Amino acid sequence: MGEELKYGHRHGGKVAVPVAMAASQVISAQSGKFVYMNAGAATLNVDGSTTIFGHLEAHAHTPATSAVLNCIVDLTAVFRIPVNSGTYVVGMQGDLCDISISSDIQGAQLDASVEDTLIVVGGSAAVYVDVMMNPSKWGTGLGVDA
């Protein structure tokens, strides 16, 4: 029997909020959809993003600037995303990893832990990984007076 490759929310909480999208964000179907907030606009996490806010509930498209999408912000949620680099092994459970985008596909960097935005909770070799948002990287990292 083949592995289920449905990406996105797998289980856990699903508390969500509406977010306005930044310009030029390409949302792909077989991809993660993690975003961080930048000046009030949701921007897809890339390699180098130091914060994380949530995971979009969205189909594949390029939303218009300021389009409002639903974003799961629940820190108990588990998401399945592709592996962009590295290979999942059971010993990674509980480890931190980074996010990257390659050819418009957002996935986990299982060979990098610089920004540490995700926590690995499961996976399958070089195919997919199940992750949670790292609570210490959640939010904008700024005060309301910034």
C-alpha atoms as a PDB file:
ATOM      1  CA  MET A   1       0.000   0.000   0.000  1.00  0.00           C
ATOM      2  CA  GLY A   2       1.388   3.438  -0.928  1.00  0.00           C
ATOM      3  CA  GLU A   3       1.925   6.299   1.476  1.00  0.00           C
ATOM      4  CA  GLU A   4      -0.759   8.958   1.782  1.00  0.00           C
ATOM      5  CA  LEU A   5       0.667  12.166   0.336  1.00  0.00           C
ATOM      6  CA  LYS A   6      -2.071  14.586   1.346  1.00  0.00           C
ATOM      7  CA  TYR A   7      -0.218  17.627   2.619  1.00  0.00           C
ATOM      8  CA  GLY A   8      -1.507  20.142   5.134  1.00  0.00           C
ATOM      9  CA  HIS A   9      -3.282  19.821   8.482  1.00  0.00           C
ATOM     10  CA  ARG A  10      -3.191  16.217   9.749  1.00  0.00           C
ATOM     11  CA  HIS A  11      -4.539  16.385  13.299  1.00  0.00           C
ATOM     12  CA  GLY A  12      -4.490  18.425  16.476  1.00  0.00           C
ATOM     13  CA  GLY A  13      -6.112  21.803  17.002  1.00  0.00           C
ATOM     14  CA  LYS A  14      -7.417  23.941  14.178  1.00  0.00           C
ATOM     15  CA  VAL A  15      -7.833  27.413  15.697  1.00  0.00           C
ATOM     16  CA  ALA A  16      -7.575  29.829  12.779  1.00  0.00           C
ATOM     17  CA  VAL A  17      -7.658  33.543  12.000  1.00  0.00           C
ATOM     18  CA  PRO A  18      -8.074  35.511   8.766  1.00  0.00           C
ATOM     19  CA  VAL A  19      -4.857  37.009   7.368  1.00  0.00           C
ATOM     20  CA  ALA A  20      -4.252  39.468   4.529  1.00  0.00           C
ATOM     21  CA  MET A  21      -1.713  38.211   2.001  1.00  0.00           C
ATOM     22  CA  ALA A  22       1.467  39.972   0.911  1.00  0.00           C
ATOM     23  CA  ALA A  23       2.094  40.552  -2.799  1.00  0.00           C
ATOM     24  CA  SER A  24       3.421  37.837  -5.142  1.00  0.00           C
ATOM     25  CA  GLN A  25       2.847  34.774  -2.939  1.00  0.00           C
ATOM     26  CA  VAL A  26       2.615  31.542  -4.981  1.00  0.00           C
ATOM     27  CA  ILE A  27       0.673  28.846  -3.121  1.00  0.00           C
ATOM     28  CA  SER A  28       1.304  25.376  -4.567  1.00  0.00           C
ATOM     29  CA  ALA A  29      -0.890  22.292  -4.078  1.00  0.00           C
ATOM     30  CA  GLN A  30       1.725  19.706  -3.057  1.00  0.00           C
ATOM     31  CA  SER A  31       3.431  22.084  -0.661  1.00  0.00           C
ATOM     32  CA  GLY A  32       3.560  23.445   2.845  1.00  0.00           C
ATOM     33  CA  LYS A  33       1.741  26.729   3.352  1.00  0.00           C
ATOM     34  CA  PHE A  34       3.465  28.168   6.433  1.00  0.00           C
ATOM     35  CA  VAL A  35       3.511  31.958   6.717  1.00  0.00           C
ATOM     36  CA  TYR A  36       5.049  34.661   8.870  1.00  0.00           C
ATOM     37  CA  MET A  37       3.634  38.143   9.378  1.00  0.00           C
ATOM     38  CA  ASN A  38       5.452  41.110   7.854  1.00  0.00           C
ATOM     39  CA  ALA A  39       3.914  44.553   8.448  1.00  0.00           C
ATOM     40  CA  GLY A  40       0.469  42.963   8.816  1.00  0.00           C
ATOM     41  CA  ALA A  41       0.704  40.806   5.689  1.00  0.00           C
ATOM     42  CA  ALA A  42       1.111  37.027   5.555  1.00  0.00           C
ATOM     43  CA  THR A  43       4.235  35.998   3.644  1.00  0.00           C
ATOM     44  CA  LEU A  44       5.258  32.419   2.843  1.00  0.00           C
ATOM     45  CA  ASN A  45       8.120  31.202   5.026  1.00  0.00           C
ATOM     46  CA  VAL A  46      11.376  30.701   3.115  1.00  0.00           C
ATOM     47  CA  ASP A  47      14.897  29.718   4.100  1.00  0.00           C
ATOM     48  CA  GLY A  48      15.972  32.510   6.427  1.00  0.00           C
ATOM     49  CA  SER A  49      12.527  33.279   7.900  1.00  0.00           C
ATOM     50  CA  THR A  50      13.064  33.617  11.648  1.00  0.00           C
ATOM     51  CA  THR A  51       9.418  33.602  12.782  1.00  0.00           C
ATOM     52  CA  ILE A  52       6.300  31.599  11.950  1.00  0.00           C
ATOM     53  CA  PHE A  53       2.633  32.527  12.372  1.00  0.00           C
ATOM     54  CA  GLY A  54       0.492  29.780  10.897  1.00  0.00           C
ATOM     55  CA  HIS A  55      -0.436  27.499   8.019  1.00  0.00           C
ATOM     56  CA  LEU A  56      -2.799  28.689   5.291  1.00  0.00           C
ATOM     57  CA  GLU A  57      -5.957  26.793   4.413  1.00  0.00           C
ATOM     58  CA  ALA A  58      -5.822  27.523   0.707  1.00  0.00           C
ATOM     59  CA  HIS A  59      -5.918  25.889  -2.708  1.00  0.00           C
ATOM     60  CA  ALA A  60      -3.131  26.300  -5.265  1.00  0.00           C
ATOM     61  CA  HIS A  61      -3.170  29.864  -6.597  1.00  0.00           C
ATOM     62  CA  THR A  62      -1.490  33.253  -6.417  1.00  0.00           C
ATOM     63  CA  PRO A  63      -3.769  35.360  -4.220  1.00  0.00           C
ATOM     64  CA  ALA A  64      -4.190  39.052  -4.898  1.00  0.00           C
ATOM     65  CA  THR A  65      -2.323  41.449  -2.626  1.00  0.00           C
ATOM     66  CA  SER A  66      -4.362  41.908   0.586  1.00  0.00           C
ATOM     67  CA  ALA A  67      -6.628  38.935  -0.249  1.00  0.00           C
ATOM     68  CA  VAL A  68      -7.836  37.441   3.034  1.00  0.00           C
ATOM     69  CA  LEU A  69      -7.186  33.731   3.647  1.00  0.00           C
ATOM     70  CA  ASN A  70      -7.805  31.480   6.637  1.00  0.00           C
ATOM     71  CA  CYS A  71      -4.655  30.656   8.628  1.00  0.00           C
ATOM     72  CA  ILE A  72      -4.365  27.898  11.259  1.00  0.00           C
ATOM     73  CA  VAL A  73      -2.417  29.353  14.194  1.00  0.00           C
ATOM     74  CA  ASP A  74      -2.992  26.488  16.648  1.00  0.00           C
ATOM     75  CA  LEU A  75       0.278  25.382  18.259  1.00  0.00           C
ATOM     76  CA  THR A  76      -1.152  21.873  18.859  1.00  0.00           C
ATOM     77  CA  ALA A  77      -1.692  21.277  15.119  1.00  0.00           C
ATOM     78  CA  VAL A  78       0.393  18.750  13.174  1.00  0.00           C
ATOM     79  CA  PHE A  79       1.028  19.390   9.466  1.00  0.00           C
ATOM     80  CA  ARG A  80       2.410  17.135   6.719  1.00  0.00           C
ATOM     81  CA  ILE A  81       4.790  18.851   4.296  1.00  0.00           C
ATOM     82  CA  PRO A  82       7.264  17.665   1.638  1.00  0.00           C
ATOM     83  CA  VAL A  83      10.941  17.143   2.397  1.00  0.00           C
ATOM     84  CA  ASN A  84      12.976  19.659   0.361  1.00  0.00           C
ATOM     85  CA  SER A  85      16.373  18.482   1.586  1.00  0.00           C
ATOM     86  CA  GLY A  86      17.712  15.785   3.879  1.00  0.00           C
ATOM     87  CA  THR A  87      16.120  12.475   4.861  1.00  0.00           C
ATOM     88  CA  TYR A  88      13.770  11.785   7.752  1.00  0.00           C
ATOM     89  CA  VAL A  89      14.867   9.201  10.325  1.00  0.00           C
ATOM     90  CA  VAL A  90      12.981   8.248  13.502  1.00  0.00           C
ATOM     91  CA  GLY A  91      15.746   9.754  15.639  1.00  0.00           C
ATOM     92  CA  MET A  92      14.675  13.221  14.398  1.00  0.00           C
ATOM     93  CA  GLN A  93      11.407  13.169  16.368  1.00  0.00           C
ATOM     94  CA  GLY A  94      11.423  16.231  18.608  1.00  0.00           C
ATOM     95  CA  ASP A  95      14.263  17.879  16.664  1.00  0.00           C
ATOM     96  CA  LEU A  96      14.038  21.345  15.128  1.00  0.00           C
ATOM     97  CA  CYS A  97      14.354  22.099  11.405  1.00  0.00           C
ATOM     98  CA  ASP A  98      14.035  24.937   8.918  1.00  0.00           C
ATOM     99  CA  ILE A  99      11.710  25.686   5.991  1.00  0.00           C
ATOM    100  CA  SER A 100      12.697  26.315   2.373  1.00  0.00           C
ATOM    101  CA  ILE A 101      10.972  26.896  -0.953  1.00  0.00           C
ATOM    102  CA  SER A 102      12.305  25.109  -4.022  1.00  0.00           C
ATOM    103  CA  SER A 103      10.518  25.410  -7.392  1.00  0.00           C
ATOM    104  CA  ASP A 104       7.506  26.989  -5.608  1.00  0.00           C
ATOM    105  CA  ILE A 105       7.266  23.986  -3.222  1.00  0.00           C
ATOM    106  CA  GLN A 106       7.548  24.820   0.470  1.00  0.00           C
ATOM    107  CA  GLY A 107       9.079  21.969   2.433  1.00  0.00           C
ATOM    108  CA  ALA A 108      11.273  20.992   5.342  1.00  0.00           C
ATOM    109  CA  GLN A 109      15.036  21.293   5.395  1.00  0.00           C
ATOM    110  CA  LEU A 110      15.890  18.163   7.351  1.00  0.00           C
ATOM    111  CA  ASP A 111      19.576  18.973   6.997  1.00  0.00           C
ATOM    112  CA  ALA A 112      19.366  22.495   8.477  1.00  0.00           C
ATOM    113  CA  SER A 113      18.468  23.916  11.866  1.00  0.00           C
ATOM    114  CA  VAL A 114      19.395  27.590  11.855  1.00  0.00           C
ATOM    115  CA  GLU A 115      16.001  29.324  12.123  1.00  0.00           C
ATOM    116  CA  ASP A 116      14.377  26.321  13.895  1.00  0.00           C
ATOM    117  CA  THR A 117      10.808  27.294  12.971  1.00  0.00           C
ATOM    118  CA  LEU A 118       9.474  23.705  12.917  1.00  0.00           C
ATOM    119  CA  ILE A 119       9.500  20.707  15.271  1.00  0.00           C
ATOM    120  CA  VAL A 120       9.711  17.267  13.615  1.00  0.00           C
ATOM    121  CA  VAL A 121       7.131  14.768  14.938  1.00  0.00           C
ATOM    122  CA  GLY A 122       7.114  12.062  12.223  1.00  0.00           C
ATOM    123  CA  GLY A 123       7.808  11.358   8.588  1.00  0.00           C
ATOM    124  CA  SER A 124       8.854   9.018   5.812  1.00  0.00           C
ATOM    125  CA  ALA A 125      12.461   9.055   4.523  1.00  0.00           C
ATOM    126  CA  ALA A 126      12.879  11.725   1.823  1.00  0.00           C
ATOM    127  CA  VAL A 127       9.148  11.918   0.978  1.00  0.00           C
ATOM    128  CA  TYR A 128       7.313  13.823   3.713  1.00  0.00           C
ATOM    129  CA  VAL A 129       7.649  15.012   7.285  1.00  0.00           C
ATOM    130  CA  ASP A 130       5.043  15.735   9.949  1.00  0.00           C
ATOM    131  CA  VAL A 131       5.799  18.931  11.849  1.00  0.00           C
ATOM    132  CA  MET A 132       4.477  21.377  14.417  1.00  0.00           C
ATOM    133  CA  MET A 133       5.193  25.095  14.688  1.00  0.00           C
ATOM    134  CA  ASN A 134       7.922  25.938  17.197  1.00  0.00           C
ATOM    135  CA  PRO A 135       6.206  27.994  19.957  1.00  0.00           C
ATOM    136  CA  SER A 136       9.409  29.951  20.629  1.00  0.00           C
ATOM    137  CA  LYS A 137       9.352  31.230  17.002  1.00  0.00           C
ATOM    138  CA  TRP A 138       5.591  31.873  16.837  1.00  0.00           C
ATOM    139  CA  GLY A 139       4.294  35.415  16.276  1.00  0.00           C
ATOM    140  CA  THR A 140       6.143  38.399  14.870  1.00  0.00           C
ATOM    141  CA  GLY A 141       8.791  38.744  17.543  1.00  0.00           C
ATOM    142  CA  LEU A 142       7.821  42.434  17.830  1.00  0.00           C
ATOM    143  CA  GLY A 143       5.859  44.446  20.347  1.00  0.00           C
ATOM    144  CA  VAL A 144       2.739  46.318  19.279  1.00  0.00           C
ATOM    145  CA  ASP A 145       4.671  49.573  19.618  1.00  0.00           C
ATOM    146  CA  ALA A 146       7.384  48.514  17.134  1.00  0.00           C
END
